[in-house]
PDB file of all heavy atoms in Angstrom:
ATOM      1  N   LEU A   1       0.829  -1.208   0.000  1.00  0.00           N
ATOM      2  CA  LEU A   1       0.000   0.000   0.000  1.00  0.00           C
ATOM      3  C   LEU A   1       0.865   1.261   0.000  1.00  0.00           C
ATOM      4  O   LEU A   1       0.522   2.269  -0.625  1.00  0.00           O
ATOM      5  CB  LEU A   1      -0.921   0.013   1.223  1.00  0.00           C
ATOM      6  CG  LEU A   1      -2.044  -1.019   1.267  1.00  0.00           C
ATOM      7  CD1 LEU A   1      -2.806  -0.911   2.583  1.00  0.00           C
ATOM      8  CD2 LEU A   1      -2.997  -0.868   0.087  1.00  0.00           C
ATOM      9  N   VAL A   2       1.988   1.188   0.697  1.00  0.00           N
ATOM     10  CA  VAL A   2       2.867   2.358   0.794  1.00  0.00           C
ATOM     11  C   VAL A   2       3.400   2.762  -0.580  1.00  0.00           C
ATOM     12  O   VAL A   2       3.447   3.945  -0.920  1.00  0.00           O
ATOM     13  CB  VAL A   2       4.024   2.085   1.774  1.00  0.00           C
ATOM     14  CG1 VAL A   2       5.088   3.180   1.691  1.00  0.00           C
ATOM     15  CG2 VAL A   2       3.495   1.976   3.201  1.00  0.00           C
ATOM     16  N   VAL A   3       3.819   1.758  -1.385  1.00  0.00           N
ATOM     17  CA  VAL A   3       4.388   2.083  -2.700  1.00  0.00           C
ATOM     18  C   VAL A   3       3.324   2.106  -3.788  1.00  0.00           C
ATOM     19  O   VAL A   3       3.617   2.467  -4.930  1.00  0.00           O
ATOM     20  CB  VAL A   3       5.511   1.105  -3.081  1.00  0.00           C
ATOM     21  CG1 VAL A   3       6.648   1.178  -2.076  1.00  0.00           C
ATOM     22  CG2 VAL A   3       4.992  -0.325  -3.209  1.00  0.00           C
ATOM     23  N   GLY A   4       2.106   1.710  -3.472  1.00  0.00           N
ATOM     24  CA  GLY A   4       1.016   1.761  -4.440  1.00  0.00           C
ATOM     25  C   GLY A   4       1.126   0.757  -5.557  1.00  0.00           C
ATOM     26  O   GLY A   4       0.639   1.011  -6.670  1.00  0.00           O
ATOM     27  N   ALA A   5       1.738  -0.390  -5.278  1.00  0.00           N
ATOM     28  CA  ALA A   5       1.900  -1.401  -6.322  1.00  0.00           C
ATOM     29  C   ALA A   5       2.129  -2.758  -5.678  1.00  0.00           C
ATOM     30  O   ALA A   5       2.544  -2.848  -4.516  1.00  0.00           O
ATOM     31  CB  ALA A   5       3.082  -1.062  -7.234  1.00  0.00           C
ATOM     32  N   VAL A   6       1.868  -3.812  -6.440  1.00  0.00           N
ATOM     33  CA  VAL A   6       2.194  -5.166  -6.004  1.00  0.00           C
ATOM     34  C   VAL A   6       3.699  -5.349  -6.176  1.00  0.00           C
ATOM     35  O   VAL A   6       4.207  -5.360  -7.298  1.00  0.00           O
ATOM     36  CB  VAL A   6       1.412  -6.217  -6.816  1.00  0.00           C
ATOM     37  CG1 VAL A   6       1.917  -7.613  -6.497  1.00  0.00           C
ATOM     38  CG2 VAL A   6      -0.070  -6.104  -6.521  1.00  0.00           C
ATOM     39  N   ASP A   7       4.406  -5.450  -5.074  1.00  0.00           N
ATOM     40  CA  ASP A   7       5.866  -5.503  -5.136  1.00  0.00           C
ATOM     41  C   ASP A   7       6.394  -6.269  -3.925  1.00  0.00           C
ATOM     42  O   ASP A   7       6.208  -5.842  -2.787  1.00  0.00           O
ATOM     43  CB  ASP A   7       6.450  -4.099  -5.171  1.00  0.00           C
ATOM     44  CG  ASP A   7       7.947  -4.099  -5.415  1.00  0.00           C
ATOM     45  OD1 ASP A   7       8.700  -4.391  -4.468  1.00  0.00           O
ATOM     46  OD2 ASP A   7       8.362  -3.838  -6.566  1.00  0.00           O
ATOM     47  N   ASP A   8       7.053  -7.400  -4.176  1.00  0.00           N
ATOM     48  CA  ASP A   8       7.557  -8.222  -3.084  1.00  0.00           C
ATOM     49  C   ASP A   8       8.600  -7.498  -2.246  1.00  0.00           C
ATOM     50  O   ASP A   8       8.673  -7.680  -1.024  1.00  0.00           O
ATOM     51  CB  ASP A   8       8.166  -9.512  -3.635  1.00  0.00           C
ATOM     52  CG  ASP A   8       7.112 -10.516  -4.069  1.00  0.00           C
ATOM     53  OD1 ASP A   8       5.914 -10.212  -3.921  1.00  0.00           O
ATOM     54  OD2 ASP A   8       7.479 -11.598  -4.556  1.00  0.00           O
ATOM     55  N   HIS A   9       9.446  -6.702  -2.867  1.00  0.00           N
ATOM     56  CA  HIS A   9      10.531  -6.046  -2.131  1.00  0.00           C
ATOM     57  C   HIS A   9       9.975  -5.006  -1.158  1.00  0.00           C
ATOM     58  O   HIS A   9      10.460  -4.890  -0.026  1.00  0.00           O
ATOM     59  CB  HIS A   9      11.509  -5.415  -3.122  1.00  0.00           C
ATOM     60  CG  HIS A   9      12.041  -6.389  -4.117  1.00  0.00           C
ATOM     61  ND1 HIS A   9      12.965  -7.360  -3.796  1.00  0.00           N
ATOM     62  CD2 HIS A   9      11.755  -6.570  -5.437  1.00  0.00           C
ATOM     63  CE1 HIS A   9      13.239  -8.085  -4.863  1.00  0.00           C
ATOM     64  NE2 HIS A   9      12.514  -7.633  -5.868  1.00  0.00           N
ATOM     65  N   ALA A  10       8.966  -4.264  -1.576  1.00  0.00           N
ATOM     66  CA  ALA A  10       8.319  -3.324  -0.669  1.00  0.00           C
ATOM     67  C   ALA A  10       7.576  -4.066   0.437  1.00  0.00           C
ATOM     68  O   ALA A  10       7.602  -3.658   1.607  1.00  0.00           O
ATOM     69  CB  ALA A  10       7.357  -2.421  -1.442  1.00  0.00           C
ATOM     70  N   ALA A  11       6.912  -5.165   0.083  1.00  0.00           N
ATOM     71  CA  ALA A  11       6.162  -5.942   1.070  1.00  0.00           C
ATOM     72  C   ALA A  11       7.072  -6.441   2.178  1.00  0.00           C
ATOM     73  O   ALA A  11       6.698  -6.451   3.358  1.00  0.00           O
ATOM     74  CB  ALA A  11       5.460  -7.112   0.385  1.00  0.00           C
ATOM     75  N   ARG A  12       8.296  -6.841   1.826  1.00  0.00           N
ATOM     76  CA  ARG A  12       9.212  -7.477   2.775  1.00  0.00           C
ATOM     77  C   ARG A  12      10.077  -6.478   3.539  1.00  0.00           C
ATOM     78  O   ARG A  12      10.918  -6.879   4.350  1.00  0.00           O
ATOM     79  CB  ARG A  12      10.114  -8.447   2.010  1.00  0.00           C
ATOM     80  CG  ARG A  12       9.386  -9.635   1.417  1.00  0.00           C
ATOM     81  CD  ARG A  12      10.170 -10.262   0.254  1.00  0.00           C
ATOM     82  NE  ARG A  12      11.516 -10.632   0.632  1.00  0.00           N
ATOM     83  CZ  ARG A  12      11.854 -11.815   1.138  1.00  0.00           C
ATOM     84  NH1 ARG A  12      10.915 -12.744   1.299  1.00  0.00           N
ATOM     85  NH2 ARG A  12      13.090 -12.084   1.452  1.00  0.00           N
ATOM     86  N   ALA A  13       9.875  -5.184   3.304  1.00  0.00           N
ATOM     87  CA  ALA A  13      10.770  -4.179   3.887  1.00  0.00           C
ATOM     88  C   ALA A  13      10.761  -4.191   5.415  1.00  0.00           C
ATOM     89  O   ALA A  13      11.750  -3.808   6.048  1.00  0.00           O
ATOM     90  CB  ALA A  13      10.398  -2.787   3.373  1.00  0.00           C
ATOM     91  N   GLY A  14       9.660  -4.609   6.027  1.00  0.00           N
ATOM     92  CA  GLY A  14       9.588  -4.623   7.485  1.00  0.00           C
ATOM     93  C   GLY A  14      10.178  -5.859   8.129  1.00  0.00           C
ATOM     94  O   GLY A  14      10.299  -5.917   9.360  1.00  0.00           O
ATOM     95  N   LEU A  15      10.583  -6.853   7.327  1.00  0.00           N
ATOM     96  CA  LEU A  15      11.111  -8.093   7.906  1.00  0.00           C
ATOM     97  C   LEU A  15      12.356  -7.855   8.747  1.00  0.00           C
ATOM     98  O   LEU A  15      12.556  -8.511   9.773  1.00  0.00           O
ATOM     99  CB  LEU A  15      11.427  -9.097   6.795  1.00  0.00           C
ATOM    100  CG  LEU A  15      10.255  -9.866   6.185  1.00  0.00           C
ATOM    101  CD1 LEU A  15      10.747 -10.795   5.087  1.00  0.00           C
ATOM    102  CD2 LEU A  15       9.502 -10.652   7.255  1.00  0.00           C
ATOM    103  N   ILE A  16      13.209  -6.924   8.323  1.00  0.00           N
ATOM    104  CA  ILE A  16      14.451  -6.701   9.060  1.00  0.00           C
ATOM    105  C   ILE A  16      14.165  -6.184  10.465  1.00  0.00           C
ATOM    106  O   ILE A  16      14.884  -6.512  11.423  1.00  0.00           O
ATOM    107  CB  ILE A  16      15.387  -5.737   8.290  1.00  0.00           C
ATOM    108  CG1 ILE A  16      16.740  -5.663   8.975  1.00  0.00           C
ATOM    109  CG2 ILE A  16      14.758  -4.368   8.132  1.00  0.00           C
ATOM    110  CD1 ILE A  16      17.476  -6.975   9.076  1.00  0.00           C
ATOM    111  N   LEU A  17      13.103  -5.397  10.628  1.00  0.00           N
ATOM    112  CA  LEU A  17      12.749  -4.908  11.957  1.00  0.00           C
ATOM    113  C   LEU A  17      12.252  -6.048  12.842  1.00  0.00           C
ATOM    114  O   LEU A  17      12.612  -6.134  14.019  1.00  0.00           O
ATOM    115  CB  LEU A  17      11.692  -3.818  11.847  1.00  0.00           C
ATOM    116  CG  LEU A  17      12.127  -2.550  11.111  1.00  0.00           C
ATOM    117  CD1 LEU A  17      10.941  -1.607  10.930  1.00  0.00           C
ATOM    118  CD2 LEU A  17      13.252  -1.848  11.858  1.00  0.00           C
ATOM    119  N   LEU A  18      11.425  -6.935  12.284  1.00  0.00           N
ATOM    120  CA  LEU A  18      10.959  -8.089  13.053  1.00  0.00           C
ATOM    121  C   LEU A  18      12.123  -8.999  13.411  1.00  0.00           C
ATOM    122  O   LEU A  18      12.160  -9.593  14.497  1.00  0.00           O
ATOM    123  CB  LEU A  18       9.901  -8.848  12.253  1.00  0.00           C
ATOM    124  CG  LEU A  18       8.628  -8.069  11.928  1.00  0.00           C
ATOM    125  CD1 LEU A  18       7.705  -8.899  11.040  1.00  0.00           C
ATOM    126  CD2 LEU A  18       7.898  -7.645  13.196  1.00  0.00           C
ATOM    127  N   HIS A  19      13.087  -9.118  12.497  1.00  0.00           N
ATOM    128  CA  HIS A  19      14.264  -9.938  12.774  1.00  0.00           C
ATOM    129  C   HIS A  19      15.105  -9.298  13.888  1.00  0.00           C
ATOM    130  O   HIS A  19      15.591  -9.995  14.788  1.00  0.00           O
ATOM    131  CB  HIS A  19      15.094 -10.094  11.498  1.00  0.00           C
ATOM    132  CG  HIS A  19      16.252 -11.024  11.653  1.00  0.00           C
ATOM    133  ND1 HIS A  19      16.095 -12.375  11.822  1.00  0.00           N
ATOM    134  CD2 HIS A  19      17.583 -10.795  11.668  1.00  0.00           C
ATOM    135  CE1 HIS A  19      17.289 -12.951  11.940  1.00  0.00           C
ATOM    136  NE2 HIS A  19      18.202 -12.008  11.845  1.00  0.00           N
ATOM    137  N   ALA A  20      15.286  -7.969  13.826  1.00  0.00           N
ATOM    138  CA  ALA A  20      16.032  -7.282  14.874  1.00  0.00           C
ATOM    139  C   ALA A  20      15.345  -7.436  16.229  1.00  0.00           C
ATOM    140  O   ALA A  20      16.001  -7.624  17.259  1.00  0.00           O
ATOM    141  CB  ALA A  20      16.179  -5.799  14.525  1.00  0.00           C
ATOM    142  N   SER A  21      14.018  -7.390  16.231  1.00  0.00           N
ATOM    143  CA  SER A  21      13.285  -7.570  17.475  1.00  0.00           C
ATOM    144  C   SER A  21      13.497  -8.969  18.048  1.00  0.00           C
ATOM    145  O   SER A  21      13.545  -9.149  19.270  1.00  0.00           O
ATOM    146  CB  SER A  21      11.789  -7.323  17.254  1.00  0.00           C
ATOM    147  OG  SER A  21      11.067  -7.475  18.451  1.00  0.00           O
ATOM    148  N   ALA A  22      13.635  -9.974  17.173  1.00  0.00           N
ATOM    149  CA  ALA A  22      13.901 -11.334  17.652  1.00  0.00           C
ATOM    150  C   ALA A  22      15.250 -11.406  18.360  1.00  0.00           C
ATOM    151  O   ALA A  22      15.401 -12.084  19.387  1.00  0.00           O
ATOM    152  CB  ALA A  22      13.853 -12.315  16.479  1.00  0.00           C
ATOM    153  N   VAL A  23      16.257 -10.726  17.819  1.00  0.00           N
ATOM    154  CA  VAL A  23      17.567 -10.679  18.478  1.00  0.00           C
ATOM    155  C   VAL A  23      17.450  -9.988  19.835  1.00  0.00           C
ATOM    156  O   VAL A  23      17.989 -10.466  20.844  1.00  0.00           O
ATOM    157  CB  VAL A  23      18.580  -9.936  17.580  1.00  0.00           C
ATOM    158  CG1 VAL A  23      19.911  -9.759  18.303  1.00  0.00           C
ATOM    159  CG2 VAL A  23      18.787 -10.693  16.274  1.00  0.00           C
ATOM    160  N   LEU A  24      16.730  -8.876  19.866  1.00  0.00           N
ATOM    161  CA  LEU A  24      16.555  -8.153  21.124  1.00  0.00           C
ATOM    162  C   LEU A  24      15.744  -8.959  22.128  1.00  0.00           C
ATOM    163  O   LEU A  24      15.961  -8.850  23.342  1.00  0.00           O
ATOM    164  CB  LEU A  24      15.876  -6.810  20.855  1.00  0.00           C
ATOM    165  CG  LEU A  24      16.695  -5.808  20.041  1.00  0.00           C
ATOM    166  CD1 LEU A  24      15.862  -4.563  19.749  1.00  0.00           C
ATOM    167  CD2 LEU A  24      17.980  -5.427  20.760  1.00  0.00           C
ATOM    168  N   ALA A  25      14.804  -9.777  21.643  1.00  0.00           N
ATOM    169  CA  ALA A  25      14.012 -10.610  22.558  1.00  0.00           C
ATOM    170  C   ALA A  25      14.906 -11.597  23.298  1.00  0.00           C
ATOM    171  O   ALA A  25      14.728 -11.842  24.500  1.00  0.00           O
ATOM    172  CB  ALA A  25      12.933 -11.357  21.773  1.00  0.00           C
ATOM    173  N   VAL A  26      15.884 -12.178  22.603  1.00  0.00           N
ATOM    174  CA  VAL A  26      16.828 -13.093  23.260  1.00  0.00           C
ATOM    175  C   VAL A  26      17.653 -12.330  24.292  1.00  0.00           C
ATOM    176  O   VAL A  26      17.919 -12.829  25.393  1.00  0.00           O
ATOM    177  CB  VAL A  26      17.735 -13.767  22.215  1.00  0.00           C
ATOM    178  CG1 VAL A  26      18.749 -14.684  22.898  1.00  0.00           C
ATOM    179  CG2 VAL A  26      16.902 -14.559  21.219  1.00  0.00           C
ATOM    180  N   TYR A  27      18.052 -11.110  23.939  1.00  0.00           N
ATOM    181  CA  TYR A  27      18.777 -10.279  24.903  1.00  0.00           C
ATOM    182  C   TYR A  27      17.929 -10.028  26.155  1.00  0.00           C
ATOM    183  O   TYR A  27      18.425 -10.112  27.286  1.00  0.00           O
ATOM    184  CB  TYR A  27      19.169  -8.952  24.257  1.00  0.00           C
ATOM    185  CG  TYR A  27      19.624  -7.920  25.248  1.00  0.00           C
ATOM    186  CD1 TYR A  27      20.900  -7.971  25.799  1.00  0.00           C
ATOM    187  CD2 TYR A  27      18.763  -6.902  25.669  1.00  0.00           C
ATOM    188  CE1 TYR A  27      21.312  -7.037  26.732  1.00  0.00           C
ATOM    189  CE2 TYR A  27      19.164  -5.964  26.603  1.00  0.00           C
ATOM    190  CZ  TYR A  27      20.438  -6.036  27.130  1.00  0.00           C
ATOM    191  OH  TYR A  27      20.835  -5.112  28.062  1.00  0.00           O
ATOM    192  N   VAL A  28      16.659  -9.700  25.951  1.00  0.00           N
ATOM    193  CA  VAL A  28      15.777  -9.436  27.087  1.00  0.00           C
ATOM    194  C   VAL A  28      15.675 -10.674  27.981  1.00  0.00           C
ATOM    195  O   VAL A  28      15.770 -10.581  29.211  1.00  0.00           O
ATOM    196  CB  VAL A  28      14.382  -9.002  26.595  1.00  0.00           C
ATOM    197  CG1 VAL A  28      13.381  -8.961  27.752  1.00  0.00           C
ATOM    198  CG2 VAL A  28      14.457  -7.634  25.924  1.00  0.00           C
ATOM    199  N   LEU A  29      15.492 -11.827  27.367  1.00  0.00           N
ATOM    200  CA  LEU A  29      15.369 -13.072  28.148  1.00  0.00           C
ATOM    201  C   LEU A  29      16.609 -13.301  29.000  1.00  0.00           C
ATOM    202  O   LEU A  29      16.513 -13.568  30.202  1.00  0.00           O
ATOM    203  CB  LEU A  29      15.145 -14.244  27.200  1.00  0.00           C
ATOM    204  CG  LEU A  29      14.954 -15.618  27.852  1.00  0.00           C
ATOM    205  CD1 LEU A  29      13.638 -15.679  28.606  1.00  0.00           C
ATOM    206  CD2 LEU A  29      15.009 -16.712  26.803  1.00  0.00           C
ATOM    207  N   GLY A  30      17.797 -13.189  28.383  1.00  0.00           N
ATOM    208  CA  GLY A  30      19.026 -13.448  29.130  1.00  0.00           C
ATOM    209  C   GLY A  30      19.344 -12.373  30.142  1.00  0.00           C
ATOM    210  O   GLY A  30      19.738 -12.675  31.286  1.00  0.00           O
ATOM    211  N   SER A  31      19.177 -11.114  29.754  1.00  0.00           N
ATOM    212  CA  SER A  31      19.578 -10.021  30.643  1.00  0.00           C
ATOM    213  C   SER A  31      18.655  -9.876  31.837  1.00  0.00           C
ATOM    214  O   SER A  31      19.106  -9.589  32.951  1.00  0.00           O
ATOM    215  CB  SER A  31      19.638  -8.703  29.867  1.00  0.00           C
ATOM    216  OG  SER A  31      18.358  -8.326  29.408  1.00  0.00           O
ATOM    217  N   ARG A  32      17.365 -10.090  31.645  1.00  0.00           N
ATOM    218  CA  ARG A  32      16.430  -9.895  32.746  1.00  0.00           C
ATOM    219  C   ARG A  32      16.395 -11.083  33.693  1.00  0.00           C
ATOM    220  O   ARG A  32      16.162 -10.912  34.891  1.00  0.00           O
ATOM    221  CB  ARG A  32      15.023  -9.615  32.210  1.00  0.00           C
ATOM    222  CG  ARG A  32      14.870  -8.325  31.423  1.00  0.00           C
ATOM    223  CD  ARG A  32      15.325  -7.100  32.233  1.00  0.00           C
ATOM    224  NE  ARG A  32      14.711  -7.043  33.544  1.00  0.00           N
ATOM    225  CZ  ARG A  32      13.516  -6.512  33.786  1.00  0.00           C
ATOM    226  NH1 ARG A  32      12.827  -5.973  32.788  1.00  0.00           N
ATOM    227  NH2 ARG A  32      13.022  -6.485  34.999  1.00  0.00           N
ATOM    228  N   LEU A  33      16.620 -12.287  33.172  1.00  0.00           N
ATOM    229  CA  LEU A  33      16.552 -13.472  34.039  1.00  0.00           C
ATOM    230  C   LEU A  33      17.903 -13.815  34.664  1.00  0.00           C
ATOM    231  O   LEU A  33      17.943 -14.461  35.714  1.00  0.00           O
ATOM    232  CB  LEU A  33      16.015 -14.666  33.260  1.00  0.00           C
ATOM    233  CG  LEU A  33      14.580 -14.520  32.750  1.00  0.00           C
ATOM    234  CD1 LEU A  33      14.156 -15.763  31.988  1.00  0.00           C
ATOM    235  CD2 LEU A  33      13.605 -14.258  33.895  1.00  0.00           C
ATOM    236  N   ILE A  34      19.006 -13.404  34.021  1.00  0.00           N
ATOM    237  CA  ILE A  34      20.334 -13.721  34.573  1.00  0.00           C
ATOM    238  C   ILE A  34      21.111 -12.413  34.750  1.00  0.00           C
ATOM    239  O   ILE A  34      21.142 -11.852  35.833  1.00  0.00           O
ATOM    240  CB  ILE A  34      21.078 -14.732  33.673  1.00  0.00           C
ATOM    241  CG1 ILE A  34      20.229 -16.001  33.506  1.00  0.00           C
ATOM    242  CG2 ILE A  34      22.438 -15.091  34.290  1.00  0.00           C
ATOM    243  CD1 ILE A  34      20.801 -17.030  32.579  1.00  0.00           C
ATOM    244  N   ASN A  35      21.768 -11.936  33.713  1.00  0.00           N
ATOM    245  CA  ASN A  35      22.443 -10.643  33.775  1.00  0.00           C
ATOM    246  C   ASN A  35      22.674 -10.133  32.358  1.00  0.00           C
ATOM    247  O   ASN A  35      22.444 -10.852  31.387  1.00  0.00           O
ATOM    248  CB  ASN A  35      23.767 -10.717  34.563  1.00  0.00           C
ATOM    249  CG  ASN A  35      24.720 -11.754  33.992  1.00  0.00           C
ATOM    250  OD1 ASN A  35      24.948 -11.797  32.776  1.00  0.00           O
ATOM    251  ND2 ASN A  35      25.288 -12.581  34.856  1.00  0.00           N
ATOM    252  N   ARG A  36      23.142  -8.881  32.260  1.00  0.00           N
ATOM    253  CA  ARG A  36      23.282  -8.248  30.949  1.00  0.00           C
ATOM    254  C   ARG A  36      24.273  -8.972  30.059  1.00  0.00           C
ATOM    255  O   ARG A  36      24.039  -9.131  28.862  1.00  0.00           O
ATOM    256  CB  ARG A  36      23.707  -6.790  31.122  1.00  0.00           C
ATOM    257  CG  ARG A  36      23.625  -5.974  29.833  1.00  0.00           C
ATOM    258  CD  ARG A  36      24.092  -4.562  30.061  1.00  0.00           C
ATOM    259  NE  ARG A  36      25.525  -4.508  30.320  1.00  0.00           N
ATOM    260  CZ  ARG A  36      26.151  -3.440  30.834  1.00  0.00           C
ATOM    261  NH1 ARG A  36      25.454  -2.370  31.162  1.00  0.00           N
ATOM    262  NH2 ARG A  36      27.453  -3.455  31.034  1.00  0.00           N
ATOM    263  N   ARG A  37      25.384  -9.410  30.624  1.00  0.00           N
ATOM    264  CA  ARG A  37      26.403 -10.108  29.827  1.00  0.00           C
ATOM    265  C   ARG A  37      25.827 -11.375  29.204  1.00  0.00           C
ATOM    266  O   ARG A  37      26.056 -11.672  28.028  1.00  0.00           O
ATOM    267  CB  ARG A  37      27.601 -10.443  30.718  1.00  0.00           C
ATOM    268  CG  ARG A  37      28.749 -11.126  29.983  1.00  0.00           C
ATOM    269  CD  ARG A  37      29.880 -11.427  30.964  1.00  0.00           C
ATOM    270  NE  ARG A  37      30.969 -12.126  30.316  1.00  0.00           N
ATOM    271  CZ  ARG A  37      31.952 -11.539  29.634  1.00  0.00           C
ATOM    272  NH1 ARG A  37      31.960 -10.218  29.515  1.00  0.00           N
ATOM    273  NH2 ARG A  37      32.904 -12.255  29.079  1.00  0.00           N
ATOM    274  N   THR A  38      25.066 -12.123  29.997  1.00  0.00           N
ATOM    275  CA  THR A  38      24.408 -13.322  29.474  1.00  0.00           C
ATOM    276  C   THR A  38      23.473 -12.969  28.334  1.00  0.00           C
ATOM    277  O   THR A  38      23.412 -13.668  27.313  1.00  0.00           O
ATOM    278  CB  THR A  38      23.632 -14.033  30.592  1.00  0.00           C
ATOM    279  OG1 THR A  38      24.530 -14.386  31.643  1.00  0.00           O
ATOM    280  CG2 THR A  38      22.931 -15.273  30.077  1.00  0.00           C
ATOM    281  N   GLY A  39      22.724 -11.874  28.488  1.00  0.00           N
ATOM    282  CA  GLY A  39      21.803 -11.456  27.440  1.00  0.00           C
ATOM    283  C   GLY A  39      22.519 -11.131  26.143  1.00  0.00           C
ATOM    284  O   GLY A  39      22.059 -11.506  25.056  1.00  0.00           O
ATOM    285  N   VAL A  40      23.654 -10.430  26.242  1.00  0.00           N
ATOM    286  CA  VAL A  40      24.400 -10.065  25.033  1.00  0.00           C
ATOM    287  C   VAL A  40      24.951 -11.306  24.348  1.00  0.00           C
ATOM    288  O   VAL A  40      24.865 -11.453  23.116  1.00  0.00           O
ATOM    289  CB  VAL A  40      25.534  -9.081  25.372  1.00  0.00           C
ATOM    290  CG1 VAL A  40      26.373  -8.781  24.130  1.00  0.00           C
ATOM    291  CG2 VAL A  40      24.975  -7.802  25.953  1.00  0.00           C
ATOM    292  N   ILE A  41      25.516 -12.225  25.127  1.00  0.00           N
ATOM    293  CA  ILE A  41      26.071 -13.453  24.539  1.00  0.00           C
ATOM    294  C   ILE A  41      24.966 -14.274  23.885  1.00  0.00           C
ATOM    295  O   ILE A  41      25.131 -14.794  22.772  1.00  0.00           O
ATOM    296  CB  ILE A  41      26.814 -14.270  25.620  1.00  0.00           C
ATOM    297  CG1 ILE A  41      28.059 -13.511  26.092  1.00  0.00           C
ATOM    298  CG2 ILE A  41      27.201 -15.645  25.087  1.00  0.00           C
ATOM    299  CD1 ILE A  41      28.748 -14.127  27.293  1.00  0.00           C
ATOM    300  N   ALA A  42      23.831 -14.402  24.561  1.00  0.00           N
ATOM    301  CA  ALA A  42      22.720 -15.171  23.997  1.00  0.00           C
ATOM    302  C   ALA A  42      22.216 -14.529  22.705  1.00  0.00           C
ATOM    303  O   ALA A  42      21.945 -15.226  21.708  1.00  0.00           O
ATOM    304  CB  ALA A  42      21.580 -15.263  25.013  1.00  0.00           C
ATOM    305  N   ALA A  43      22.095 -13.201  22.696  1.00  0.00           N
ATOM    306  CA  ALA A  43      21.651 -12.510  21.485  1.00  0.00           C
ATOM    307  C   ALA A  43      22.638 -12.723  20.347  1.00  0.00           C
ATOM    308  O   ALA A  43      22.244 -12.904  19.180  1.00  0.00           O
ATOM    309  CB  ALA A  43      21.485 -11.017  21.771  1.00  0.00           C
ATOM    310  N   ALA A  44      23.942 -12.709  20.649  1.00  0.00           N
ATOM    311  CA  ALA A  44      24.953 -12.926  19.615  1.00  0.00           C
ATOM    312  C   ALA A  44      24.893 -14.336  19.066  1.00  0.00           C
ATOM    313  O   ALA A  44      25.018 -14.555  17.849  1.00  0.00           O
ATOM    314  CB  ALA A  44      26.342 -12.632  20.191  1.00  0.00           C
TER     315      ALA A  44
END
C-alpha cells in the first residue's frame, strides 16, 4: 500500500525490523533473568 503497487521487495521491507526484534528478545530473556552479559552473549 505504501508504494502503491504489487511488489515483493516493498512488502518485505519490514522483515528486518521483526528480525532485529527477535535478536533483542533473546537479549531481554538473558539479561532480565540472569544478567546483561548473558543477554548479550545469547543474542549474539
